[in-house]
Amino acid sequence: MLGLLAADGSPRIVVVEKTDRLYRNRADALALEELIEKRGIEVHLVKEARVVGKDSRSQDEFMHDIHVAVAKHYVENLRDEVKKGMREKAEQGIYPGRAPIGYRNNSVTRAIDVDPERAPIVKHIFDLYASGEHSLITLRRTMLHEWGIRLSRSYFEKILKNRFYLGYFVWQGVEYKGTHTPLIATELYGRVQGVLAGRHKLKHRKHVFAFAGLLRCAHDGCTVTAELQKRKYVYYRCSHGRGKCPLPYMREQDVSDRLGELLKHIYMPETVAHSIVASLQADSARNEMERQQRMTGLKQRLATLRARMDQMYEDKLDGKIEEGFWARKMNESLEQERQLESDLAGIMTSISPDGILTVQRIFELANKRIFCTLRELKRNVVNC
């Protein structure tokens, strides 16, 4: 409207319901006042029964300025109330903004719900990248091919670094513990951050050799290395780290047969096997007891910390502590909470004695002379 009035001299009258429907800041008021003075524009305020123009009385101009100030105060107060309401919502653990991919805003409950259609996509993104086999570019290509998701490389990085999927969110520079359901486990998120930082990346080999790094030369003690000849024959030779060596080239088939013959005669007496099993079972029981004690201790520390955080929030509401002090202490407490949750998750997901093949069963198989040759082992390794 201001542009039209400034460019075209034909419109001379602005009809408006009341002052706060025309402008709500001092800059717009000054711009219109300048047009009133230069072009003779008149502003007709219908509900206020007043006309503001170049020849208006001082009384009308004075009342108009008062209404402009009231409108400006209304907007600023409304903005403060909105910010206050959003901050209180964040303090309750409800994200006051638009939910990221994998979640959706519930317009009825005003909460953040898991999106059943896109949540599996986010989980798959984290699983793929945590493997260390993908860069952000190959991850983008894979998701486009498998799911038809077309996102930018920077957006994938934003997803992988977003702690929202752990159950936290940042609002106005302060991190809060959200009430929404976490999509990603702490351990998986940590592995992803390690890959992003350049750690935990897998080393890819063009060819898989069954005995690579396992053998040393009997002549000079150097490592025995493997070579692929004619793209299908594997030979082992001395690496010649100390000069020329008389060790001849050996086919992988021959190495497998000779080592297999040695392993066929390995046998452990039953009394020794039982002694080892008993010792390992005792160690396992003791480790499990220590594991349970650590879990109990971490849960108690976590409960105490959360009780303190709740008390700090009550003190802030009662005005006992200042906003800045509360925000600083809350950030410190949230960091401690994240560390305790990470430690607890690591202990809870550790391997349990019941989840693995027991040592006793292994010795039983050994004493029954159920062996596989290195040739079969090599075949299994290569197939895997």
Protein backbone atom coordinates (compact mmCIF):
# COMPACT_ATOMS: atom_id res chain seq x y z
CA MET A 1 0.00 0.00 0.00
CA LEU A 2 2.80 2.41 0.87
CA GLY A 3 4.50 1.62 -2.43
CA LEU A 4 1.31 2.33 -4.36
CA LEU A 5 0.76 5.63 -2.57
CA ALA A 6 4.36 6.68 -3.20
CA ALA A 7 4.40 5.70 -6.88
CA ASP A 8 0.91 6.76 -8.01
CA GLY A 9 -0.54 10.14 -7.11
CA SER A 10 -4.18 9.23 -7.83
CA PRO A 11 -5.09 7.44 -4.54
CA ARG A 12 -5.64 10.18 -1.98
CA ILE A 13 -7.66 8.55 0.81
CA VAL A 14 -6.89 5.51 2.98
CA VAL A 15 -9.93 4.03 4.72
CA VAL A 16 -9.15 1.78 7.68
CA GLU A 17 -11.18 0.27 10.49
CA LYS A 18 -8.98 1.56 13.32
CA THR A 19 -5.38 2.48 14.08
CA ASP A 20 -4.00 -0.95 15.02
CA ARG A 21 -5.35 -2.40 11.74
CA LEU A 22 -3.25 0.04 9.74
CA TYR A 23 0.18 -0.19 11.35
CA ARG A 24 1.65 -1.68 14.46
CA ASN A 25 5.13 -0.19 14.46
CA ARG A 26 6.56 3.29 14.47
CA ALA A 27 8.37 2.89 11.13
CA ASP A 28 5.13 2.39 9.16
CA ALA A 29 3.54 5.32 10.97
CA LEU A 30 6.42 7.62 10.06
CA ALA A 31 6.33 6.47 6.42
CA LEU A 32 2.62 7.24 6.17
CA GLU A 33 3.04 10.59 7.91
CA GLU A 34 5.64 11.52 5.31
CA LEU A 35 3.16 10.71 2.52
CA ILE A 36 0.51 12.76 4.29
CA GLU A 37 2.81 15.78 4.32
CA LYS A 38 4.18 15.40 0.77
CA ARG A 39 1.16 14.09 -1.19
CA GLY A 40 -1.73 15.23 0.97
CA ILE A 41 -2.92 11.73 1.79
CA GLU A 42 -5.83 11.45 4.25
CA VAL A 43 -6.35 8.53 6.63
CA HIS A 44 -9.99 7.91 7.63
CA LEU A 45 -10.31 5.87 10.84
CA VAL A 46 -13.90 4.60 10.74
CA LYS A 47 -14.44 3.20 14.25
CA GLU A 48 -12.52 6.04 15.86
CA ALA A 49 -14.47 8.67 13.86
CA ARG A 50 -11.32 10.60 13.08
CA VAL A 51 -9.53 11.84 9.96
CA VAL A 52 -5.77 12.30 9.94
CA GLY A 53 -4.44 14.54 7.22
CA LYS A 54 -2.21 17.46 6.44
CA ASP A 55 -4.68 19.96 7.90
CA SER A 56 -5.73 17.87 10.93
CA ARG A 57 -6.08 19.52 14.29
CA SER A 58 -3.32 19.04 16.83
CA GLN A 59 -5.81 17.27 19.11
CA ASP A 60 -6.54 14.64 16.42
CA GLU A 61 -2.82 14.16 15.72
CA PHE A 62 -2.11 13.80 19.43
CA MET A 63 -4.81 11.14 19.86
CA HIS A 64 -3.55 9.42 16.73
CA ASP A 65 -0.02 9.22 18.14
CA ILE A 66 -1.41 7.74 21.36
CA HIS A 67 -3.26 5.05 19.42
CA VAL A 68 -0.10 4.25 17.44
CA ALA A 69 1.86 3.86 20.69
CA VAL A 70 -0.89 1.61 22.12
CA ALA A 71 -0.87 -0.56 18.97
CA LYS A 72 2.93 -0.86 19.13
CA HIS A 73 2.73 -1.85 22.80
CA TYR A 74 0.06 -4.43 21.98
CA VAL A 75 2.24 -6.10 19.35
CA GLU A 76 5.34 -6.12 21.54
CA ASN A 77 3.41 -7.47 24.51
CA LEU A 78 1.83 -10.15 22.33
CA ARG A 79 5.29 -11.14 21.08
CA ASP A 80 6.60 -11.39 24.64
CA GLU A 81 3.65 -13.52 25.69
CA VAL A 82 4.15 -15.84 22.71
CA LYS A 83 7.86 -16.23 23.55
CA LYS A 84 7.02 -16.84 27.19
CA GLY A 85 4.44 -19.49 26.28
CA MET A 86 6.85 -21.25 23.92
CA ARG A 87 9.62 -21.21 26.53
CA GLU A 88 7.27 -22.68 29.16
CA LYS A 89 6.25 -25.34 26.66
CA ALA A 90 9.92 -26.17 26.06
CA GLU A 91 10.54 -26.39 29.81
CA GLN A 92 7.74 -28.95 29.98
CA GLY A 93 9.64 -31.06 27.43
CA ILE A 94 7.40 -30.29 24.42
CA TYR A 95 9.18 -28.95 21.37
CA PRO A 96 7.44 -25.67 20.43
CA GLY A 97 8.52 -25.69 16.79
CA ARG A 98 8.04 -27.82 13.70
CA ALA A 99 9.05 -31.44 14.24
CA PRO A 100 11.92 -32.85 12.12
CA ILE A 101 11.56 -35.71 9.67
CA GLY A 102 10.51 -38.90 11.46
CA TYR A 103 8.07 -37.02 13.71
CA ARG A 104 4.91 -34.98 13.20
CA ASN A 105 3.14 -32.23 15.13
CA ASN A 106 -0.13 -33.35 16.70
CA SER A 107 -2.58 -30.48 16.25
CA VAL A 108 -4.98 -31.94 18.83
CA THR A 109 -2.67 -32.70 21.75
CA ARG A 110 -0.01 -30.11 20.76
CA ALA A 111 2.61 -32.82 21.28
CA ILE A 112 5.24 -34.41 19.02
CA ASP A 113 4.30 -37.88 17.77
CA VAL A 114 6.35 -40.45 15.89
CA ASP A 115 5.58 -40.49 12.18
CA PRO A 116 4.96 -44.19 11.35
CA GLU A 117 5.79 -43.61 7.68
CA ARG A 118 9.05 -41.66 8.00
CA ALA A 119 10.44 -42.92 11.31
CA PRO A 120 11.74 -46.16 9.68
CA ILE A 121 13.52 -43.98 7.09
CA VAL A 122 15.41 -42.11 9.81
CA LYS A 123 16.36 -45.35 11.56
CA HIS A 124 17.63 -46.81 8.30
CA ILE A 125 19.73 -43.69 7.66
CA PHE A 126 21.44 -44.06 11.05
CA ASP A 127 21.97 -47.81 10.60
CA LEU A 128 23.53 -47.39 7.16
CA TYR A 129 25.89 -44.63 8.20
CA ALA A 130 26.88 -46.31 11.46
CA SER A 131 28.22 -49.27 9.46
CA GLY A 132 31.04 -47.05 8.23
CA GLU A 133 30.51 -48.23 4.67
CA HIS A 134 28.92 -44.99 3.44
CA SER A 135 29.89 -41.40 2.95
CA LEU A 136 27.20 -38.74 2.95
CA ILE A 137 27.20 -38.84 -0.84
CA THR A 138 26.78 -42.63 -1.12
CA LEU A 139 24.20 -42.52 1.69
CA ARG A 140 22.20 -40.02 -0.35
CA ARG A 141 22.38 -42.25 -3.43
CA THR A 142 21.38 -45.34 -1.46
CA MET A 143 18.35 -43.67 0.12
CA LEU A 144 17.28 -42.34 -3.26
CA HIS A 145 17.56 -45.83 -4.80
CA GLU A 146 15.98 -47.80 -1.93
CA TRP A 147 13.37 -45.37 -0.58
CA GLY A 148 13.00 -42.74 -3.29
CA ILE A 149 14.02 -40.06 -0.76
CA ARG A 150 15.61 -37.06 -2.46
CA LEU A 151 17.41 -34.96 0.17
CA SER A 152 20.54 -32.86 0.01
CA ARG A 153 23.87 -33.99 1.42
CA SER A 154 23.80 -31.24 4.06
CA TYR A 155 20.32 -32.32 5.17
CA PHE A 156 21.54 -35.88 5.76
CA GLU A 157 24.35 -34.47 7.89
CA LYS A 158 21.80 -32.38 9.81
CA ILE A 159 19.72 -35.50 10.48
CA LEU A 160 22.71 -37.51 11.69
CA LYS A 161 23.79 -34.76 14.11
CA ASN A 162 20.31 -33.95 15.41
CA ARG A 163 19.96 -34.89 19.08
CA PHE A 164 16.19 -34.65 18.70
CA TYR A 165 16.24 -38.33 17.75
CA LEU A 166 17.82 -39.09 21.14
CA GLY A 167 15.00 -37.33 22.99
CA TYR A 168 16.57 -33.85 23.36
CA PHE A 169 15.99 -30.52 21.63
CA VAL A 170 17.48 -27.02 21.73
CA TRP A 171 15.27 -23.96 22.12
CA GLN A 172 16.67 -20.42 22.36
CA GLY A 173 20.16 -21.74 23.07
CA VAL A 174 19.08 -24.08 25.90
CA GLU A 175 18.87 -27.87 25.53
CA TYR A 176 15.85 -29.59 27.06
CA LYS A 177 14.90 -33.22 27.66
CA GLY A 178 11.89 -33.81 25.45
CA THR A 179 8.81 -35.88 26.20
CA HIS A 180 8.76 -37.27 22.65
CA THR A 181 9.77 -40.88 22.00
CA PRO A 182 13.46 -41.26 20.98
CA LEU A 183 13.95 -42.96 17.63
CA ILE A 184 17.67 -43.74 17.99
CA ALA A 185 19.53 -45.55 20.78
CA THR A 186 22.37 -43.73 22.52
CA GLU A 187 24.92 -46.35 21.44
CA LEU A 188 23.90 -46.08 17.77
CA TYR A 189 24.00 -42.28 17.89
CA GLY A 190 27.49 -42.42 19.40
CA ARG A 191 28.72 -44.71 16.63
CA VAL A 192 27.32 -42.37 14.00
CA GLN A 193 29.10 -39.39 15.55
CA GLY A 194 32.29 -41.43 15.56
CA VAL A 195 31.95 -42.09 11.84
CA LEU A 196 31.22 -38.42 11.18
CA ALA A 197 34.36 -37.51 13.11
CA GLY A 198 36.44 -39.92 11.01
CA ARG A 199 36.52 -42.79 13.48
CA HIS A 200 35.15 -46.35 13.13
CA LYS A 201 35.48 -46.39 9.37
CA LEU A 202 35.86 -49.85 7.92
CA LYS A 203 38.95 -50.72 5.94
CA HIS A 204 37.91 -52.18 2.63
CA ARG A 205 40.08 -54.77 0.94
CA LYS A 206 39.82 -55.52 -2.70
CA HIS A 207 40.48 -59.21 -2.06
CA VAL A 208 39.94 -61.35 1.03
CA PHE A 209 42.80 -63.71 1.92
CA ALA A 210 42.11 -66.41 4.47
CA PHE A 211 45.50 -66.32 6.26
CA ALA A 212 46.51 -62.69 5.73
CA GLY A 213 48.47 -61.41 8.75
CA LEU A 214 48.49 -64.79 10.50
CA LEU A 215 51.80 -66.27 9.29
CA ARG A 216 55.48 -65.39 9.78
CA CYS A 217 58.48 -66.57 7.83
CA ALA A 218 60.56 -69.28 9.60
CA HIS A 219 63.80 -67.97 8.02
CA ASP A 220 63.84 -64.29 9.00
CA GLY A 221 60.64 -63.73 11.06
CA CYS A 222 59.07 -61.36 8.51
CA THR A 223 55.36 -61.32 7.81
CA VAL A 224 54.10 -63.71 5.17
CA THR A 225 52.03 -61.76 2.65
CA ALA A 226 49.44 -62.92 0.10
CA GLU A 227 49.23 -62.15 -3.61
CA LEU A 228 46.59 -62.74 -6.24
CA GLN A 229 47.97 -64.09 -9.51
CA LYS A 230 46.01 -64.10 -12.76
CA ARG A 231 42.97 -62.88 -10.78
CA LYS A 232 42.21 -66.34 -9.38
CA TYR A 233 45.31 -67.97 -7.82
CA VAL A 234 46.40 -67.00 -4.31
CA TYR A 235 50.05 -67.41 -3.30
CA TYR A 236 51.84 -66.68 -0.02
CA ARG A 237 55.44 -65.46 0.18
CA CYS A 238 57.82 -63.75 2.56
CA SER A 239 57.49 -59.96 2.56
CA HIS A 240 61.33 -59.70 2.31
CA GLY A 241 61.44 -57.08 5.01
CA ARG A 242 65.04 -58.05 5.87
CA GLY A 243 66.33 -58.76 2.43
CA LYS A 244 66.18 -61.73 0.12
CA CYS A 245 64.62 -64.86 1.67
CA PRO A 246 64.74 -68.53 0.54
CA LEU A 247 61.07 -69.15 1.46
CA PRO A 248 59.35 -70.29 -1.76
CA TYR A 249 55.94 -69.24 -2.99
CA MET A 250 53.15 -71.38 -1.48
CA ARG A 251 49.68 -71.91 -2.85
CA GLU A 252 46.83 -71.13 -0.46
CA GLN A 253 45.51 -74.66 -0.99
CA ASP A 254 48.77 -76.17 0.29
CA VAL A 255 48.91 -73.84 3.31
CA SER A 256 45.33 -74.77 4.19
CA ASP A 257 46.02 -78.51 3.95
CA ARG A 258 49.17 -78.38 6.11
CA LEU A 259 47.62 -76.28 8.85
CA GLY A 260 44.49 -78.43 8.78
CA GLU A 261 46.58 -81.55 9.44
CA LEU A 262 48.07 -79.88 12.53
CA LEU A 263 44.68 -78.91 13.97
CA LYS A 264 43.22 -82.39 13.57
CA HIS A 265 45.37 -83.73 16.42
CA ILE A 266 44.55 -81.01 18.96
CA TYR A 267 42.85 -82.53 21.98
CA MET A 268 42.26 -81.31 25.54
CA PRO A 269 41.95 -83.75 28.46
CA GLU A 270 38.51 -83.79 30.06
CA THR A 271 39.82 -82.87 33.53
CA VAL A 272 41.57 -79.78 32.16
CA ALA A 273 38.47 -78.81 30.19
CA HIS A 274 36.24 -79.06 33.29
CA SER A 275 38.71 -77.00 35.31
CA ILE A 276 38.77 -74.24 32.70
CA VAL A 277 34.97 -74.27 32.37
CA ALA A 278 34.49 -74.01 36.14
CA SER A 279 36.95 -71.12 36.36
CA LEU A 280 35.34 -69.24 33.50
CA GLN A 281 31.84 -69.78 34.87
CA ALA A 282 32.93 -68.38 38.23
CA ASP A 283 34.42 -65.35 36.50
CA SER A 284 31.26 -64.94 34.47
CA ALA A 285 29.06 -65.02 37.58
CA ARG A 286 31.28 -62.49 39.32
CA ASN A 287 31.25 -60.21 36.27
CA GLU A 288 27.48 -60.41 36.04
CA MET A 289 27.13 -59.48 39.71
CA GLU A 290 29.43 -56.49 39.21
CA ARG A 291 27.44 -55.53 36.12
CA GLN A 292 24.19 -55.55 38.08
CA GLN A 293 25.78 -53.46 40.84
CA ARG A 294 27.00 -50.88 38.33
CA MET A 295 23.54 -50.71 36.77
CA THR A 296 21.93 -50.16 40.17
CA GLY A 297 24.44 -47.45 41.06
CA LEU A 298 23.91 -45.62 37.76
CA LYS A 299 20.12 -45.78 38.11
CA GLN A 300 20.35 -44.30 41.62
CA ARG A 301 22.62 -41.49 40.44
CA LEU A 302 20.29 -40.80 37.53
CA ALA A 303 17.24 -40.67 39.80
CA THR A 304 19.03 -38.29 42.20
CA LEU A 305 20.11 -36.02 39.35
CA ARG A 306 16.60 -35.84 37.91
CA ALA A 307 15.15 -35.04 41.32
CA ARG A 308 17.59 -32.13 41.59
CA MET A 309 16.63 -30.92 38.12
CA ASP A 310 12.95 -30.97 39.08
CA GLN A 311 13.73 -29.03 42.26
CA MET A 312 15.72 -26.43 40.31
CA TYR A 313 12.76 -25.94 38.00
CA GLU A 314 10.43 -25.43 40.97
CA ASP A 315 12.87 -22.90 42.46
CA LYS A 316 12.95 -21.02 39.15
CA LEU A 317 9.17 -20.85 39.01
CA ASP A 318 9.09 -19.60 42.61
CA GLY A 319 11.65 -16.92 41.79
CA LYS A 320 14.30 -18.33 44.13
CA ILE A 321 16.92 -18.52 41.37
CA GLU A 322 17.50 -16.34 38.31
CA GLU A 323 16.79 -17.42 34.74
CA GLY A 324 20.44 -17.26 33.63
CA PHE A 325 21.67 -19.29 36.61
CA TRP A 326 18.94 -21.88 36.06
CA ALA A 327 19.77 -22.21 32.33
CA ARG A 328 23.49 -22.70 33.04
CA LYS A 329 22.93 -25.29 35.76
CA MET A 330 20.27 -27.07 33.71
CA ASN A 331 22.68 -27.43 30.78
CA GLU A 332 25.28 -28.91 33.11
CA SER A 333 22.71 -31.31 34.57
CA LEU A 334 21.52 -32.36 31.11
CA GLU A 335 25.09 -33.15 30.11
CA GLN A 336 25.50 -35.31 33.22
CA GLU A 337 22.16 -36.98 32.49
CA ARG A 338 23.25 -37.80 28.92
CA GLN A 339 26.51 -39.30 30.17
CA LEU A 340 24.74 -41.43 32.79
CA GLU A 341 22.16 -42.61 30.26
CA SER A 342 24.94 -43.50 27.82
CA ASP A 343 26.84 -45.46 30.48
CA LEU A 344 23.67 -47.23 31.55
CA ALA A 345 22.74 -48.12 27.97
CA GLY A 346 26.23 -49.49 27.39
CA ILE A 347 25.99 -51.76 30.42
CA MET A 348 22.44 -52.90 29.69
CA THR A 349 23.26 -53.83 26.09
CA SER A 350 26.48 -55.64 26.95
CA ILE A 351 26.68 -59.34 26.15
CA SER A 352 25.06 -61.55 28.75
CA PRO A 353 26.41 -65.01 29.60
CA ASP A 354 23.10 -66.50 28.47
CA GLY A 355 23.37 -64.87 25.05
CA ILE A 356 26.50 -66.66 23.84
CA LEU A 357 27.59 -70.24 23.24
CA THR A 358 28.89 -71.48 26.58
CA VAL A 359 32.47 -72.56 26.98
CA GLN A 360 31.30 -75.88 28.32
CA ARG A 361 29.45 -76.66 25.11
CA ILE A 362 32.53 -75.72 23.07
CA PHE A 363 34.71 -78.15 24.99
CA GLU A 364 32.10 -80.87 24.61
CA LEU A 365 32.20 -80.38 20.86
CA ALA A 366 35.98 -80.44 20.90
CA ASN A 367 36.17 -83.66 22.91
CA LYS A 368 33.73 -85.28 20.54
CA ARG A 369 36.34 -84.46 17.87
CA ILE A 370 33.99 -82.35 15.76
CA PHE A 371 36.53 -80.32 13.83
CA CYS A 372 36.51 -78.32 10.66
CA THR A 373 39.60 -78.00 8.57
CA LEU A 374 41.19 -74.65 7.78
CA ARG A 375 40.13 -75.20 4.21
CA GLU A 376 36.47 -75.16 5.32
CA LEU A 377 37.15 -72.23 7.61
CA LYS A 378 38.73 -70.34 4.72
CA ARG A 379 35.70 -71.09 2.56
CA ASN A 380 33.34 -69.76 5.26
CA VAL A 381 35.39 -66.60 5.72
CA VAL A 382 35.48 -65.87 2.01
CA ASN A 383 31.75 -66.54 1.63
CA CYS A 384 30.98 -64.17 4.48
